[in-house]
PDB file of N, CA and C in Angstrom:
ATOM      1  N   MET A   1      99.192 -17.777  50.925  1.00  0.00           N
ATOM      2  CA  MET A   1     100.222 -18.767  51.117  1.00  0.00           C
ATOM      3  C   MET A   1     101.555 -18.061  50.973  1.00  0.00           C
ATOM      4  N   SER A   2     102.457 -18.291  51.927  1.00  0.00           N
ATOM      5  CA  SER A   2     103.714 -17.549  51.920  1.00  0.00           C
ATOM      6  C   SER A   2     104.928 -18.344  51.444  1.00  0.00           C
ATOM      7  N   ARG A   3     104.934 -19.673  51.678  1.00  0.00           N
ATOM      8  CA  ARG A   3     106.089 -20.455  51.229  1.00  0.00           C
ATOM      9  C   ARG A   3     105.781 -21.936  51.302  1.00  0.00           C
ATOM     10  N   LEU A   4     106.580 -22.711  50.578  1.00  0.00           N
ATOM     11  CA  LEU A   4     106.502 -24.160  50.628  1.00  0.00           C
ATOM     12  C   LEU A   4     107.238 -24.609  51.866  1.00  0.00           C
ATOM     13  N   GLY A   5     106.560 -25.346  52.746  1.00  0.00           N
ATOM     14  CA  GLY A   5     107.161 -25.728  54.012  1.00  0.00           C
ATOM     15  C   GLY A   5     107.853 -27.075  54.012  1.00  0.00           C
ATOM     16  N   LEU A   6     107.304 -28.061  53.293  1.00  0.00           N
ATOM     17  CA  LEU A   6     107.845 -29.413  53.330  1.00  0.00           C
ATOM     18  C   LEU A   6     107.356 -30.152  52.096  1.00  0.00           C
ATOM     19  N   VAL A   7     108.190 -31.034  51.551  1.00  0.00           N
ATOM     20  CA  VAL A   7     107.833 -31.798  50.360  1.00  0.00           C
ATOM     21  C   VAL A   7     108.185 -33.259  50.576  1.00  0.00           C
ATOM     22  N   THR A   8     107.323 -34.144  50.110  1.00  0.00           N
ATOM     23  CA  THR A   8     107.639 -35.563  50.022  1.00  0.00           C
ATOM     24  C   THR A   8     107.999 -35.839  48.568  1.00  0.00           C
ATOM     25  N   TYR A   9     109.146 -36.445  48.337  1.00  0.00           N
ATOM     26  CA  TYR A   9     109.642 -36.673  46.987  1.00  0.00           C
ATOM     27  C   TYR A   9     109.583 -38.166  46.681  1.00  0.00           C
ATOM     28  N   VAL A  10     108.902 -38.536  45.603  1.00  0.00           N
ATOM     29  CA  VAL A  10     108.821 -39.930  45.182  1.00  0.00           C
ATOM     30  C   VAL A  10     109.897 -40.143  44.118  1.00  0.00           C
ATOM     31  N   ALA A  11     110.801 -41.086  44.368  1.00  0.00           N
ATOM     32  CA  ALA A  11     111.962 -41.289  43.500  1.00  0.00           C
ATOM     33  C   ALA A  11     111.956 -42.662  42.851  1.00  0.00           C
ATOM     34  N   ARG A  12     112.617 -42.760  41.699  1.00  0.00           N
ATOM     35  CA  ARG A  12     112.763 -44.039  41.005  1.00  0.00           C
ATOM     36  C   ARG A  12     113.684 -44.963  41.790  1.00  0.00           C
ATOM     37  N   GLU A  13     114.820 -44.438  42.262  1.00  0.00           N
ATOM     38  CA  GLU A  13     115.786 -45.198  43.050  1.00  0.00           C
ATOM     39  C   GLU A  13     115.944 -44.513  44.402  1.00  0.00           C
ATOM     40  N   TYR A  14     115.425 -45.137  45.431  1.00  0.00           N
ATOM     41  CA  TYR A  14     115.312 -44.560  46.766  1.00  0.00           C
ATOM     42  C   TYR A  14     116.651 -44.099  47.345  1.00  0.00           C
ATOM     43  N   ASP A  15     117.605 -45.017  47.476  1.00  0.00           N
ATOM     44  CA  ASP A  15     118.899 -44.690  48.087  1.00  0.00           C
ATOM     45  C   ASP A  15     119.693 -43.698  47.242  1.00  0.00           C
ATOM     46  N   GLU A  16     119.579 -43.821  45.932  1.00  0.00           N
ATOM     47  CA  GLU A  16     120.253 -42.888  45.034  1.00  0.00           C
ATOM     48  C   GLU A  16     119.728 -41.461  45.244  1.00  0.00           C
ATOM     49  N   ALA A  17     118.415 -41.326  45.386  1.00  0.00           N
ATOM     50  CA  ALA A  17     117.808 -40.007  45.601  1.00  0.00           C
ATOM     51  C   ALA A  17     118.241 -39.414  46.942  1.00  0.00           C
ATOM     52  N   ILE A  18     118.265 -40.242  47.984  1.00  0.00           N
ATOM     53  CA  ILE A  18     118.726 -39.760  49.294  1.00  0.00           C
ATOM     54  C   ILE A  18     120.175 -39.288  49.185  1.00  0.00           C
ATOM     55  N   GLY A  19     121.012 -40.060  48.506  1.00  0.00           N
ATOM     56  CA  GLY A  19     122.410 -39.678  48.329  1.00  0.00           C
ATOM     57  C   GLY A  19     122.565 -38.342  47.627  1.00  0.00           C
ATOM     58  N   PHE A  20     121.756 -38.096  46.617  1.00  0.00           N
ATOM     59  CA  PHE A  20     121.843 -36.836  45.887  1.00  0.00           C
ATOM     60  C   PHE A  20     121.399 -35.656  46.744  1.00  0.00           C
ATOM     61  N   PHE A  21     120.196 -35.746  47.300  1.00  0.00           N
ATOM     62  CA  PHE A  21     119.640 -34.600  48.027  1.00  0.00           C
ATOM     63  C   PHE A  21     120.361 -34.328  49.350  1.00  0.00           C
ATOM     64  N   VAL A  22     120.726 -35.392  50.061  1.00  0.00           N
ATOM     65  CA  VAL A  22     121.405 -35.214  51.348  1.00  0.00           C
ATOM     66  C   VAL A  22     122.908 -35.023  51.136  1.00  0.00           C
ATOM     67  N   GLY A  23     123.505 -35.875  50.320  1.00  0.00           N
ATOM     68  CA  GLY A  23     124.948 -35.843  50.135  1.00  0.00           C
ATOM     69  C   GLY A  23     125.460 -34.695  49.287  1.00  0.00           C
ATOM     70  N   LYS A  24     124.719 -34.323  48.253  1.00  0.00           N
ATOM     71  CA  LYS A  24     125.200 -33.277  47.347  1.00  0.00           C
ATOM     72  C   LYS A  24     124.587 -31.908  47.611  1.00  0.00           C
ATOM     73  N   LEU A  25     123.328 -31.874  48.008  1.00  0.00           N
ATOM     74  CA  LEU A  25     122.655 -30.587  48.198  1.00  0.00           C
ATOM     75  C   LEU A  25     122.543 -30.179  49.658  1.00  0.00           C
ATOM     76  N   ASP A  26     123.013 -31.037  50.560  1.00  0.00           N
ATOM     77  CA  ASP A  26     122.955 -30.768  52.003  1.00  0.00           C
ATOM     78  C   ASP A  26     121.536 -30.613  52.528  1.00  0.00           C
ATOM     79  N   PHE A  27     120.567 -31.279  51.887  1.00  0.00           N
ATOM     80  CA  PHE A  27     119.203 -31.265  52.408  1.00  0.00           C
ATOM     81  C   PHE A  27     119.159 -32.095  53.681  1.00  0.00           C
ATOM     82  N   GLU A  28     118.188 -31.830  54.516  1.00  0.00           N
ATOM     83  CA  GLU A  28     117.981 -32.604  55.739  1.00  0.00           C
ATOM     84  C   GLU A  28     116.934 -33.682  55.464  1.00  0.00           C
ATOM     85  N   LEU A  29     117.260 -34.934  55.748  1.00  0.00           N
ATOM     86  CA  LEU A  29     116.305 -36.029  55.625  1.00  0.00           C
ATOM     87  C   LEU A  29     115.464 -36.053  56.892  1.00  0.00           C
ATOM     88  N   VAL A  30     114.211 -35.672  56.774  1.00  0.00           N
ATOM     89  CA  VAL A  30     113.332 -35.547  57.932  1.00  0.00           C
ATOM     90  C   VAL A  30     112.655 -36.870  58.247  1.00  0.00           C
ATOM     91  N   GLU A  31     112.305 -37.636  57.218  1.00  0.00           N
ATOM     92  CA  GLU A  31     111.638 -38.920  57.423  1.00  0.00           C
ATOM     93  C   GLU A  31     112.132 -39.895  56.381  1.00  0.00           C
ATOM     94  N   ASP A  32     112.312 -41.150  56.757  1.00  0.00           N
ATOM     95  CA  ASP A  32     112.802 -42.194  55.866  1.00  0.00           C
ATOM     96  C   ASP A  32     111.902 -43.408  56.031  1.00  0.00           C
ATOM     97  N   THR A  33     110.798 -43.431  55.287  1.00  0.00           N
ATOM     98  CA  THR A  33     109.806 -44.488  55.415  1.00  0.00           C
ATOM     99  C   THR A  33     109.606 -45.177  54.078  1.00  0.00           C
ATOM    100  N   ASP A  34     109.833 -46.491  54.026  1.00  0.00           N
ATOM    101  CA  ASP A  34     109.594 -47.268  52.816  1.00  0.00           C
ATOM    102  C   ASP A  34     108.095 -47.497  52.679  1.00  0.00           C
ATOM    103  N   MET A  35     107.494 -46.982  51.608  1.00  0.00           N
ATOM    104  CA  MET A  35     106.057 -47.114  51.392  1.00  0.00           C
ATOM    105  C   MET A  35     105.718 -48.333  50.534  1.00  0.00           C
ATOM    106  N   GLY A  36     106.722 -49.088  50.080  1.00  0.00           N
ATOM    107  CA  GLY A  36     106.466 -50.266  49.269  1.00  0.00           C
ATOM    108  C   GLY A  36     106.057 -49.897  47.853  1.00  0.00           C
ATOM    109  N   GLU A  37     105.618 -50.893  47.103  1.00  0.00           N
ATOM    110  CA  GLU A  37     105.201 -50.683  45.719  1.00  0.00           C
ATOM    111  C   GLU A  37     103.792 -50.126  45.649  1.00  0.00           C
ATOM    112  N   GLY A  38     103.556 -49.267  44.680  1.00  0.00           N
ATOM    113  CA  GLY A  38     102.227 -48.699  44.462  1.00  0.00           C
ATOM    114  C   GLY A  38     101.838 -47.713  45.536  1.00  0.00           C
ATOM    115  N   LYS A  39     101.019 -46.768  45.180  1.00  0.00           N
ATOM    116  CA  LYS A  39     100.532 -45.721  46.094  1.00  0.00           C
ATOM    117  C   LYS A  39     101.683 -45.206  46.955  1.00  0.00           C
ATOM    118  N   GLN A  40     102.748 -44.757  46.293  1.00  0.00           N
ATOM    119  CA  GLN A  40     103.974 -44.374  46.978  1.00  0.00           C
ATOM    120  C   GLN A  40     103.785 -43.305  48.035  1.00  0.00           C
ATOM    121  N   ALA A  41     102.851 -42.404  47.845  1.00  0.00           N
ATOM    122  CA  ALA A  41     102.627 -41.383  48.874  1.00  0.00           C
ATOM    123  C   ALA A  41     101.827 -41.953  50.036  1.00  0.00           C
ATOM    124  N   GLY A  42     101.329 -43.166  49.891  1.00  0.00           N
ATOM    125  CA  GLY A  42     100.641 -43.846  50.986  1.00  0.00           C
ATOM    126  C   GLY A  42      99.383 -43.140  51.448  1.00  0.00           C
ATOM    127  N   GLY A  43      98.806 -42.281  50.604  1.00  0.00           N
ATOM    128  CA  GLY A  43      97.615 -41.545  50.992  1.00  0.00           C
ATOM    129  C   GLY A  43      97.903 -40.398  51.943  1.00  0.00           C
ATOM    130  N   ARG A  44      99.183 -40.173  52.189  1.00  0.00           N
ATOM    131  CA  ARG A  44      99.588 -39.131  53.137  1.00  0.00           C
ATOM    132  C   ARG A  44      99.797 -37.812  52.413  1.00  0.00           C
ATOM    133  N   VAL A  45      99.799 -36.754  53.190  1.00  0.00           N
ATOM    134  CA  VAL A  45     100.059 -35.424  52.647  1.00  0.00           C
ATOM    135  C   VAL A  45     101.509 -35.366  52.172  1.00  0.00           C
ATOM    136  N   ALA A  46     101.718 -34.863  50.953  1.00  0.00           N
ATOM    137  CA  ALA A  46     103.063 -34.771  50.398  1.00  0.00           C
ATOM    138  C   ALA A  46     103.571 -33.336  50.346  1.00  0.00           C
ATOM    139  N   PHE A  47     102.654 -32.367  50.360  1.00  0.00           N
ATOM    140  CA  PHE A  47     103.047 -30.965  50.258  1.00  0.00           C
ATOM    141  C   PHE A  47     102.476 -30.175  51.417  1.00  0.00           C
ATOM    142  N   PHE A  48     103.299 -29.310  51.976  1.00  0.00           N
ATOM    143  CA  PHE A  48     102.921 -28.488  53.117  1.00  0.00           C
ATOM    144  C   PHE A  48     103.142 -27.033  52.737  1.00  0.00           C
ATOM    145  N   LEU A  49     102.071 -26.265  52.687  1.00  0.00           N
ATOM    146  CA  LEU A  49     102.150 -24.855  52.328  1.00  0.00           C
ATOM    147  C   LEU A  49     101.976 -24.012  53.575  1.00  0.00           C
ATOM    148  N   ASN A  50     102.911 -23.123  53.833  1.00  0.00           N
ATOM    149  CA  ASN A  50     102.822 -22.241  54.997  1.00  0.00           C
ATOM    150  C   ASN A  50     102.126 -20.944  54.611  1.00  0.00           C
ATOM    151  N   THR A  51     101.356 -20.403  55.540  1.00  0.00           N
ATOM    152  CA  THR A  51     100.655 -19.143  55.345  1.00  0.00           C
ATOM    153  C   THR A  51     100.785 -18.291  56.596  1.00  0.00           C
ATOM    154  N   ASP A  52     100.630 -16.993  56.425  1.00  0.00           N
ATOM    155  CA  ASP A  52     100.620 -16.102  57.582  1.00  0.00           C
ATOM    156  C   ASP A  52      99.194 -15.754  57.999  1.00  0.00           C
ATOM    157  N   ASN A  53      98.198 -16.279  57.235  1.00  0.00           N
ATOM    158  CA  ASN A  53      96.796 -16.010  57.552  1.00  0.00           C
ATOM    159  C   ASN A  53      95.926 -17.146  57.019  1.00  0.00           C
ATOM    160  N   ILE A  54      95.771 -18.197  57.801  1.00  0.00           N
ATOM    161  CA  ILE A  54      95.038 -19.374  57.344  1.00  0.00           C
ATOM    162  C   ILE A  54      93.555 -19.081  57.136  1.00  0.00           C
ATOM    163  N   ASP A  55      92.979 -18.213  57.959  1.00  0.00           N
ATOM    164  CA  ASP A  55      91.555 -17.893  57.792  1.00  0.00           C
ATOM    165  C   ASP A  55      91.299 -17.228  56.445  1.00  0.00           C
ATOM    166  N   ARG A  56      92.160 -16.295  56.050  1.00  0.00           N
ATOM    167  CA  ARG A  56      92.042 -15.617  54.753  1.00  0.00           C
ATOM    168  C   ARG A  56      92.151 -16.622  53.607  1.00  0.00           C
ATOM    169  N   ASP A  57      93.212 -17.452  53.634  1.00  0.00           N
ATOM    170  CA  ASP A  57      93.434 -18.392  52.540  1.00  0.00           C
ATOM    171  C   ASP A  57      92.355 -19.466  52.488  1.00  0.00           C
ATOM    172  N   TYR A  58      91.919 -19.943  53.643  1.00  0.00           N
ATOM    173  CA  TYR A  58      90.843 -20.935  53.701  1.00  0.00           C
ATOM    174  C   TYR A  58      89.575 -20.365  53.061  1.00  0.00           C
ATOM    175  N   ALA A  59      89.217 -19.132  53.419  1.00  0.00           N
ATOM    176  CA  ALA A  59      88.012 -18.496  52.871  1.00  0.00           C
ATOM    177  C   ALA A  59      88.147 -18.259  51.367  1.00  0.00           C
ATOM    178  N   ASN A  60      89.283 -17.715  50.934  1.00  0.00           N
ATOM    179  CA  ASN A  60      89.493 -17.432  49.510  1.00  0.00           C
ATOM    180  C   ASN A  60      89.488 -18.696  48.669  1.00  0.00           C
ATOM    181  N   TRP A  61      90.216 -19.711  49.114  1.00  0.00           N
ATOM    182  CA  TRP A  61      90.311 -20.937  48.337  1.00  0.00           C
ATOM    183  C   TRP A  61      88.990 -21.695  48.343  1.00  0.00           C
ATOM    184  N   SER A  62      88.292 -21.702  49.467  1.00  0.00           N
ATOM    185  CA  SER A  62      86.974 -22.352  49.523  1.00  0.00           C
ATOM    186  C   SER A  62      86.021 -21.685  48.541  1.00  0.00           C
ATOM    187  N   ALA A  63      86.047 -20.359  48.478  1.00  0.00           N
ATOM    188  CA  ALA A  63      85.183 -19.615  47.559  1.00  0.00           C
ATOM    189  C   ALA A  63      85.506 -19.930  46.102  1.00  0.00           C
ATOM    190  N   ARG A  64      86.740 -20.320  45.834  1.00  0.00           N
ATOM    191  CA  ARG A  64      87.158 -20.676  44.471  1.00  0.00           C
ATOM    192  C   ARG A  64      86.897 -22.142  44.148  1.00  0.00           C
ATOM    193  N   GLY A  65      86.315 -22.879  45.100  1.00  0.00           N
ATOM    194  CA  GLY A  65      85.970 -24.269  44.852  1.00  0.00           C
ATOM    195  C   GLY A  65      86.984 -25.290  45.313  1.00  0.00           C
ATOM    196  N   VAL A  66      88.011 -24.859  46.038  1.00  0.00           N
ATOM    197  CA  VAL A  66      88.983 -25.814  46.581  1.00  0.00           C
ATOM    198  C   VAL A  66      88.282 -26.641  47.653  1.00  0.00           C
ATOM    199  N   LYS A  67      88.443 -27.967  47.566  1.00  0.00           N
ATOM    200  CA  LYS A  67      87.788 -28.874  48.514  1.00  0.00           C
ATOM    201  C   LYS A  67      88.692 -29.095  49.728  1.00  0.00           C
ATOM    202  N   PHE A  68      88.221 -28.653  50.886  1.00  0.00           N
ATOM    203  CA  PHE A  68      88.930 -28.892  52.141  1.00  0.00           C
ATOM    204  C   PHE A  68      88.317 -30.106  52.827  1.00  0.00           C
ATOM    205  N   ARG A  69      89.142 -30.934  53.434  1.00  0.00           N
ATOM    206  CA  ARG A  69      88.660 -32.123  54.138  1.00  0.00           C
ATOM    207  C   ARG A  69      88.077 -31.785  55.503  1.00  0.00           C
ATOM    208  N   GLN A  70      88.480 -30.648  56.063  1.00  0.00           N
ATOM    209  CA  GLN A  70      87.912 -30.167  57.321  1.00  0.00           C
ATOM    210  C   GLN A  70      88.251 -28.693  57.464  1.00  0.00           C
ATOM    211  N   GLN A  71      87.585 -28.039  58.402  1.00  0.00           N
ATOM    212  CA  GLN A  71      87.893 -26.645  58.693  1.00  0.00           C
ATOM    213  C   GLN A  71      89.248 -26.584  59.392  1.00  0.00           C
ATOM    214  N   PRO A  72      89.883 -25.409  59.405  1.00  0.00           N
ATOM    215  CA  PRO A  72      91.167 -25.287  60.103  1.00  0.00           C
ATOM    216  C   PRO A  72      91.064 -25.749  61.555  1.00  0.00           C
ATOM    217  N   ARG A  73      92.094 -26.494  61.990  1.00  0.00           N
ATOM    218  CA  ARG A  73      92.126 -26.990  63.370  1.00  0.00           C
ATOM    219  C   ARG A  73      93.455 -26.595  64.000  1.00  0.00           C
ATOM    220  N   HIS A  74      93.427 -26.438  65.295  1.00  0.00           N
ATOM    221  CA  HIS A  74      94.628 -26.028  66.030  1.00  0.00           C
ATOM    222  C   HIS A  74      95.412 -27.252  66.489  1.00  0.00           C
ATOM    223  N   GLU A  75      96.702 -27.239  66.210  1.00  0.00           N
ATOM    224  CA  GLU A  75      97.642 -28.268  66.646  1.00  0.00           C
ATOM    225  C   GLU A  75      98.771 -27.567  67.399  1.00  0.00           C
ATOM    226  N   VAL A  76      99.649 -28.331  68.042  1.00  0.00           N
ATOM    227  CA  VAL A  76     100.738 -27.719  68.803  1.00  0.00           C
ATOM    228  C   VAL A  76     101.693 -26.925  67.906  1.00  0.00           C
ATOM    229  N   TYR A  77     101.834 -27.337  66.654  1.00  0.00           N
ATOM    230  CA  TYR A  77     102.757 -26.682  65.725  1.00  0.00           C
ATOM    231  C   TYR A  77     102.118 -25.517  64.977  1.00  0.00           C
ATOM    232  N   GLY A  78     100.792 -25.356  65.095  1.00  0.00           N
ATOM    233  CA  GLY A  78     100.104 -24.270  64.403  1.00  0.00           C
ATOM    234  C   GLY A  78      98.686 -24.661  64.036  1.00  0.00           C
ATOM    235  N   THR A  79      98.092 -23.904  63.135  1.00  0.00           N
ATOM    236  CA  THR A  79      96.738 -24.176  62.661  1.00  0.00           C
ATOM    237  C   THR A  79      96.848 -24.788  61.274  1.00  0.00           C
ATOM    238  N   VAL A  80      96.096 -25.864  61.026  1.00  0.00           N
ATOM    239  CA  VAL A  80      96.222 -26.605  59.774  1.00  0.00           C
ATOM    240  C   VAL A  80      94.855 -26.914  59.186  1.00  0.00           C
ATOM    241  N   ALA A  81      94.789 -26.896  57.858  1.00  0.00           N
ATOM    242  CA  ALA A  81      93.605 -27.331  57.121  1.00  0.00           C
ATOM    243  C   ALA A  81      94.094 -28.178  55.952  1.00  0.00           C
ATOM    244  N   VAL A  82      93.536 -29.374  55.793  1.00  0.00           N
ATOM    245  CA  VAL A  82      93.925 -30.266  54.705  1.00  0.00           C
ATOM    246  C   VAL A  82      92.965 -30.046  53.542  1.00  0.00           C
ATOM    247  N   PHE A  83      93.534 -29.799  52.359  1.00  0.00           N
ATOM    248  CA  PHE A  83      92.716 -29.652  51.157  1.00  0.00           C
ATOM    249  C   PHE A  83      93.189 -30.639  50.105  1.00  0.00           C
ATOM    250  N   GLU A  84      92.381 -30.803  49.057  1.00  0.00           N
ATOM    251  CA  GLU A  84      92.704 -31.736  47.981  1.00  0.00           C
ATOM    252  C   GLU A  84      93.031 -30.970  46.712  1.00  0.00           C
ATOM    253  N   ASP A  85      94.039 -31.467  45.974  1.00  0.00           N
ATOM    254  CA  ASP A  85      94.317 -30.863  44.680  1.00  0.00           C
ATOM    255  C   ASP A  85      93.327 -31.412  43.651  1.00  0.00           C
ATOM    256  N   LEU A  86      93.495 -31.059  42.396  1.00  0.00           N
ATOM    257  CA  LEU A  86      92.534 -31.455  41.381  1.00  0.00           C
ATOM    258  C   LEU A  86      92.449 -32.957  41.174  1.00  0.00           C
ATOM    259  N   TYR A  87      93.431 -33.723  41.664  1.00  0.00           N
ATOM    260  CA  TYR A  87      93.409 -35.179  41.536  1.00  0.00           C
ATOM    261  C   TYR A  87      93.043 -35.882  42.837  1.00  0.00           C
ATOM    262  N   GLY A  88      92.726 -35.112  43.873  1.00  0.00           N
ATOM    263  CA  GLY A  88      92.331 -35.691  45.152  1.00  0.00           C
ATOM    264  C   GLY A  88      93.472 -35.931  46.117  1.00  0.00           C
ATOM    265  N   ALA A  89      94.692 -35.538  45.745  1.00  0.00           N
ATOM    266  CA  ALA A  89      95.839 -35.708  46.645  1.00  0.00           C
ATOM    267  C   ALA A  89      95.759 -34.677  47.771  1.00  0.00           C
ATOM    268  N   PRO A  90      96.029 -35.096  49.015  1.00  0.00           N
ATOM    269  CA  PRO A  90      95.929 -34.168  50.146  1.00  0.00           C
ATOM    270  C   PRO A  90      97.143 -33.244  50.272  1.00  0.00           C
ATOM    271  N   TRP A  91      96.878 -32.000  50.641  1.00  0.00           N
ATOM    272  CA  TRP A  91      97.889 -30.975  50.919  1.00  0.00           C
ATOM    273  C   TRP A  91      97.552 -30.363  52.264  1.00  0.00           C
ATOM    274  N   ASP A  92      98.569 -29.960  53.024  1.00  0.00           N
ATOM    275  CA  ASP A  92      98.359 -29.225  54.276  1.00  0.00           C
ATOM    276  C   ASP A  92      98.597 -27.740  54.043  1.00  0.00           C
ATOM    277  N   LEU A  93      97.657 -26.924  54.486  1.00  0.00           N
ATOM    278  CA  LEU A  93      97.840 -25.480  54.568  1.00  0.00           C
ATOM    279  C   LEU A  93      98.068 -25.187  56.039  1.00  0.00           C
ATOM    280  N   ILE A  94      99.226 -24.624  56.381  1.00  0.00           N
ATOM    281  CA  ILE A  94      99.618 -24.468  57.787  1.00  0.00           C
ATOM    282  C   ILE A  94      99.974 -23.017  58.094  1.00  0.00           C
ATOM    283  N   GLN A  95      99.413 -22.532  59.195  1.00  0.00           N
ATOM    284  CA  GLN A  95      99.873 -21.268  59.775  1.00  0.00           C
ATOM    285  C   GLN A  95     100.667 -21.650  61.012  1.00  0.00           C
ATOM    286  N   PRO A  96     102.014 -21.588  60.925  1.00  0.00           N
ATOM    287  CA  PRO A  96     102.838 -22.016  62.058  1.00  0.00           C
ATOM    288  C   PRO A  96     102.521 -21.232  63.330  1.00  0.00           C
ATOM    289  N   ALA A  97     102.679 -21.925  64.460  1.00  0.00           N
ATOM    290  CA  ALA A  97     102.430 -21.287  65.766  1.00  0.00           C
ATOM    291  C   ALA A  97     103.477 -20.236  66.045  1.00  0.00           C
TER     292      ALA A  97
END
């Protein structure tokens, strides 16, 4: 894994958090979706890890017991494999195209 590619941030006060990250830190707001109360991540992937060799990382992490939801698949943006953290939350491992 080479770098963190994208993060979903769950905040106590939605508009206040957007104001801080976009207004003060010059972050780019990529998506603005109200998920409502409870299950704030909506079952969606919240963390995107970029790699320069998805086959290597998939094999190494699988051997260590990391649970992948499927084998790496090719998409227009690159090759991706979704895995679960220790609590079952989904993460994307991506080798950009």
